[in-house]
Amino acid sequence: MESIDKYCQSCAMPMNKPEDYGTNSDDSKNDDYCAYCYKNGEFTSEMTMEQMIEYSAPYMAEANEGMSEEQAKEQMHKFFPELKRWKK
């Protein structure tokens, strides 16, 4: 099984390859956010944590064999408040 060192601090996507990482305004790699959430130093969309969970749940369920979208949402509701973007 592949080791995952970094997760996007917005959507929790594993970031294993250089192309998974978002970019800062100077086009350097951003270590916190993935390419889907962060480009050119800005978030690619404005959404609430709840909206991000709704959007991401199908992808998480698809990536984890045997996981339903409801199970994915349950896990995300526990994990997402700890991510940098959503931490209060």
N, C-alpha and C. Protein backbone atom coordinates (compact mmCIF):
# COMPACT_ATOMS: atom_id res chain seq x y z
N MET A 1 0.84 -1.18 0.00
CA MET A 1 0.00 0.00 0.00
C MET A 1 0.89 1.25 0.00
N GLU A 2 0.47 2.24 -0.76
CA GLU A 2 1.24 3.46 -0.93
C GLU A 2 1.13 4.35 0.30
N SER A 3 2.23 4.91 0.71
CA SER A 3 2.26 5.81 1.86
C SER A 3 1.86 7.22 1.41
N ILE A 4 1.00 7.86 2.20
CA ILE A 4 0.56 9.21 1.89
C ILE A 4 1.09 10.14 2.96
N ASP A 5 1.91 11.09 2.54
CA ASP A 5 2.51 12.02 3.48
C ASP A 5 1.70 13.30 3.64
N LYS A 6 1.07 13.74 2.57
CA LYS A 6 0.38 15.03 2.58
C LYS A 6 -1.05 14.87 2.09
N TYR A 7 -1.92 15.64 2.71
CA TYR A 7 -3.31 15.75 2.28
C TYR A 7 -3.61 17.22 2.03
N CYS A 8 -4.43 17.49 1.05
CA CYS A 8 -4.87 18.86 0.81
C CYS A 8 -5.58 19.36 2.07
N GLN A 9 -5.23 20.55 2.50
CA GLN A 9 -5.81 21.14 3.70
C GLN A 9 -7.14 21.84 3.43
N SER A 10 -7.73 21.53 2.26
CA SER A 10 -9.05 22.03 1.92
C SER A 10 -10.02 20.88 1.65
N CYS A 11 -9.59 19.92 0.80
CA CYS A 11 -10.49 18.83 0.40
C CYS A 11 -10.04 17.46 0.90
N ALA A 12 -8.85 17.38 1.49
CA ALA A 12 -8.27 16.14 2.04
C ALA A 12 -7.81 15.14 0.99
N MET A 13 -7.68 15.58 -0.26
CA MET A 13 -7.16 14.70 -1.30
C MET A 13 -5.70 14.38 -1.00
N PRO A 14 -5.30 13.10 -1.13
CA PRO A 14 -3.88 12.77 -0.97
C PRO A 14 -3.05 13.47 -2.04
N MET A 15 -1.92 14.00 -1.66
CA MET A 15 -1.03 14.67 -2.61
C MET A 15 0.27 13.89 -2.66
N ASN A 16 0.36 13.01 -3.65
CA ASN A 16 1.50 12.10 -3.78
C ASN A 16 2.48 12.49 -4.88
N LYS A 17 2.00 13.23 -5.89
CA LYS A 17 2.83 13.57 -7.05
C LYS A 17 2.96 15.09 -7.14
N PRO A 18 4.03 15.57 -7.75
CA PRO A 18 4.21 17.03 -7.88
C PRO A 18 3.01 17.73 -8.51
N GLU A 19 2.38 17.10 -9.48
CA GLU A 19 1.24 17.74 -10.16
C GLU A 19 -0.02 17.79 -9.29
N ASP A 20 -0.02 17.12 -8.15
CA ASP A 20 -1.16 17.17 -7.23
C ASP A 20 -1.20 18.49 -6.46
N TYR A 21 -0.07 19.18 -6.37
CA TYR A 21 0.03 20.38 -5.54
C TYR A 21 -0.47 21.62 -6.26
N GLY A 22 -1.13 22.49 -5.49
CA GLY A 22 -1.56 23.78 -6.01
C GLY A 22 -0.37 24.71 -6.18
N THR A 23 -0.63 25.91 -6.69
CA THR A 23 0.44 26.87 -6.95
C THR A 23 0.18 28.19 -6.24
N ASN A 24 1.27 28.82 -5.83
CA ASN A 24 1.23 30.15 -5.24
C ASN A 24 1.19 31.20 -6.35
N SER A 25 1.03 32.46 -5.97
CA SER A 25 0.93 33.53 -6.97
C SER A 25 2.20 33.66 -7.80
N ASP A 26 3.35 33.23 -7.27
CA ASP A 26 4.60 33.28 -8.03
C ASP A 26 4.86 31.98 -8.80
N ASP A 27 3.85 31.12 -8.89
CA ASP A 27 3.87 29.84 -9.60
C ASP A 27 4.69 28.76 -8.88
N SER A 28 5.13 29.04 -7.65
CA SER A 28 5.80 28.00 -6.86
C SER A 28 4.76 27.03 -6.31
N LYS A 29 5.23 25.86 -5.90
CA LYS A 29 4.35 24.83 -5.36
C LYS A 29 3.80 25.26 -4.00
N ASN A 30 2.53 25.02 -3.78
CA ASN A 30 1.93 25.27 -2.47
C ASN A 30 1.86 23.94 -1.73
N ASP A 31 2.45 23.88 -0.54
CA ASP A 31 2.53 22.62 0.20
C ASP A 31 1.24 22.24 0.93
N ASP A 32 0.30 23.17 1.04
CA ASP A 32 -0.91 22.91 1.82
C ASP A 32 -2.12 22.48 1.01
N TYR A 33 -2.21 22.95 -0.22
CA TYR A 33 -3.45 22.75 -0.99
C TYR A 33 -3.19 22.09 -2.35
N CYS A 34 -4.16 21.31 -2.79
CA CYS A 34 -4.03 20.59 -4.07
C CYS A 34 -4.31 21.50 -5.26
N ALA A 35 -3.98 20.99 -6.43
CA ALA A 35 -4.16 21.73 -7.67
C ALA A 35 -5.63 22.00 -7.98
N TYR A 36 -6.53 21.19 -7.45
CA TYR A 36 -7.96 21.40 -7.69
C TYR A 36 -8.52 22.52 -6.82
N CYS A 37 -7.95 22.72 -5.65
CA CYS A 37 -8.45 23.71 -4.70
C CYS A 37 -7.73 25.05 -4.77
N TYR A 38 -6.48 25.06 -5.24
CA TYR A 38 -5.66 26.26 -5.10
C TYR A 38 -4.78 26.47 -6.33
N LYS A 39 -4.97 27.61 -6.99
CA LYS A 39 -4.16 27.96 -8.18
C LYS A 39 -3.81 29.43 -8.12
N ASN A 40 -2.58 29.73 -8.48
CA ASN A 40 -2.12 31.12 -8.55
C ASN A 40 -2.34 31.89 -7.25
N GLY A 41 -2.18 31.20 -6.12
CA GLY A 41 -2.28 31.87 -4.83
C GLY A 41 -3.69 32.12 -4.33
N GLU A 42 -4.68 31.49 -4.97
CA GLU A 42 -6.08 31.69 -4.56
C GLU A 42 -6.84 30.37 -4.61
N PHE A 43 -7.86 30.27 -3.75
CA PHE A 43 -8.74 29.10 -3.84
C PHE A 43 -9.50 29.17 -5.15
N THR A 44 -9.71 28.02 -5.75
CA THR A 44 -10.38 27.97 -7.06
C THR A 44 -11.89 28.18 -6.94
N SER A 45 -12.44 27.98 -5.74
CA SER A 45 -13.86 28.24 -5.53
C SER A 45 -14.10 28.61 -4.07
N GLU A 46 -15.07 29.45 -3.88
CA GLU A 46 -15.47 29.83 -2.53
C GLU A 46 -16.62 28.92 -2.12
N MET A 47 -16.41 28.17 -1.08
CA MET A 47 -17.47 27.30 -0.58
C MET A 47 -17.28 27.09 0.91
N THR A 48 -18.33 26.67 1.55
CA THR A 48 -18.26 26.36 2.96
C THR A 48 -17.69 24.96 3.14
N MET A 49 -17.33 24.62 4.37
CA MET A 49 -16.85 23.27 4.64
C MET A 49 -17.94 22.25 4.28
N GLU A 50 -19.17 22.56 4.60
CA GLU A 50 -20.28 21.64 4.29
C GLU A 50 -20.40 21.43 2.79
N GLN A 51 -20.27 22.49 2.01
CA GLN A 51 -20.34 22.36 0.55
C GLN A 51 -19.17 21.53 0.02
N MET A 52 -17.99 21.70 0.62
CA MET A 52 -16.82 20.92 0.20
C MET A 52 -17.05 19.44 0.49
N ILE A 53 -17.63 19.13 1.63
CA ILE A 53 -17.92 17.74 1.98
C ILE A 53 -18.91 17.14 0.97
N GLU A 54 -19.96 17.87 0.67
CA GLU A 54 -20.96 17.39 -0.30
C GLU A 54 -20.30 17.14 -1.67
N TYR A 55 -19.42 18.06 -2.07
CA TYR A 55 -18.75 17.96 -3.36
C TYR A 55 -17.76 16.79 -3.39
N SER A 56 -17.03 16.60 -2.29
CA SER A 56 -15.94 15.63 -2.25
C SER A 56 -16.37 14.20 -1.93
N ALA A 57 -17.49 14.03 -1.27
CA ALA A 57 -17.93 12.69 -0.82
C ALA A 57 -17.98 11.65 -1.94
N PRO A 58 -18.54 11.97 -3.11
CA PRO A 58 -18.56 10.95 -4.17
C PRO A 58 -17.16 10.49 -4.58
N TYR A 59 -16.19 11.42 -4.60
CA TYR A 59 -14.82 11.07 -4.97
C TYR A 59 -14.18 10.18 -3.92
N MET A 60 -14.43 10.49 -2.65
CA MET A 60 -13.86 9.67 -1.57
C MET A 60 -14.47 8.27 -1.59
N ALA A 61 -15.77 8.18 -1.80
CA ALA A 61 -16.43 6.87 -1.84
C ALA A 61 -15.89 6.05 -3.02
N GLU A 62 -15.71 6.70 -4.15
CA GLU A 62 -15.19 6.00 -5.34
C GLU A 62 -13.76 5.50 -5.12
N ALA A 63 -12.96 6.27 -4.41
CA ALA A 63 -11.55 5.92 -4.18
C ALA A 63 -11.38 4.84 -3.12
N ASN A 64 -12.42 4.59 -2.33
CA ASN A 64 -12.34 3.61 -1.24
C ASN A 64 -13.39 2.53 -1.45
N GLU A 65 -12.95 1.41 -1.98
CA GLU A 65 -13.86 0.31 -2.31
C GLU A 65 -14.72 -0.08 -1.11
N GLY A 66 -16.01 -0.19 -1.35
CA GLY A 66 -16.94 -0.61 -0.30
C GLY A 66 -17.45 0.53 0.56
N MET A 67 -16.99 1.76 0.32
CA MET A 67 -17.45 2.91 1.11
C MET A 67 -18.61 3.59 0.40
N SER A 68 -19.66 3.86 1.15
CA SER A 68 -20.79 4.61 0.59
C SER A 68 -20.53 6.11 0.71
N GLU A 69 -21.30 6.91 -0.01
CA GLU A 69 -21.16 8.35 0.11
C GLU A 69 -21.51 8.81 1.52
N GLU A 70 -22.48 8.18 2.14
CA GLU A 70 -22.85 8.53 3.51
C GLU A 70 -21.69 8.26 4.48
N GLN A 71 -21.02 7.13 4.31
CA GLN A 71 -19.86 6.82 5.15
C GLN A 71 -18.75 7.84 4.91
N ALA A 72 -18.55 8.21 3.65
CA ALA A 72 -17.53 9.21 3.33
C ALA A 72 -17.86 10.53 4.03
N LYS A 73 -19.11 10.95 3.98
CA LYS A 73 -19.52 12.20 4.62
C LYS A 73 -19.31 12.14 6.12
N GLU A 74 -19.62 11.00 6.74
CA GLU A 74 -19.41 10.85 8.18
C GLU A 74 -17.94 11.05 8.54
N GLN A 75 -17.06 10.40 7.77
CA GLN A 75 -15.62 10.53 8.03
C GLN A 75 -15.16 11.97 7.81
N MET A 76 -15.66 12.59 6.75
CA MET A 76 -15.25 13.96 6.44
C MET A 76 -15.70 14.94 7.52
N HIS A 77 -16.88 14.74 8.07
CA HIS A 77 -17.35 15.62 9.14
C HIS A 77 -16.44 15.55 10.38
N LYS A 78 -15.78 14.43 10.57
CA LYS A 78 -14.84 14.28 11.69
C LYS A 78 -13.48 14.88 11.35
N PHE A 79 -13.04 14.70 10.10
CA PHE A 79 -11.68 15.05 9.68
C PHE A 79 -11.54 16.50 9.21
N PHE A 80 -12.52 17.00 8.47
CA PHE A 80 -12.40 18.31 7.85
C PHE A 80 -12.20 19.46 8.85
N PRO A 81 -12.83 19.47 10.03
CA PRO A 81 -12.60 20.58 10.96
C PRO A 81 -11.14 20.71 11.40
N GLU A 82 -10.34 19.67 11.19
CA GLU A 82 -8.91 19.71 11.54
C GLU A 82 -8.04 20.24 10.40
N LEU A 83 -8.61 20.36 9.20
CA LEU A 83 -7.83 20.85 8.06
C LEU A 83 -7.63 22.36 8.17
N LYS A 84 -6.49 22.83 7.69
CA LYS A 84 -6.09 24.23 7.83
C LYS A 84 -7.18 25.21 7.32
N ARG A 85 -7.79 24.91 6.19
CA ARG A 85 -8.78 25.84 5.62
C ARG A 85 -10.01 25.97 6.50
N TRP A 86 -10.37 24.92 7.21
CA TRP A 86 -11.63 24.91 7.96
C TRP A 86 -11.45 25.05 9.46
N LYS A 87 -10.23 24.97 9.92
CA LYS A 87 -9.96 25.05 11.37
C LYS A 87 -10.35 26.44 11.87
N LYS A 88 -11.04 26.47 12.98
CA LYS A 88 -11.47 27.75 13.52
C LYS A 88 -10.51 28.26 14.56
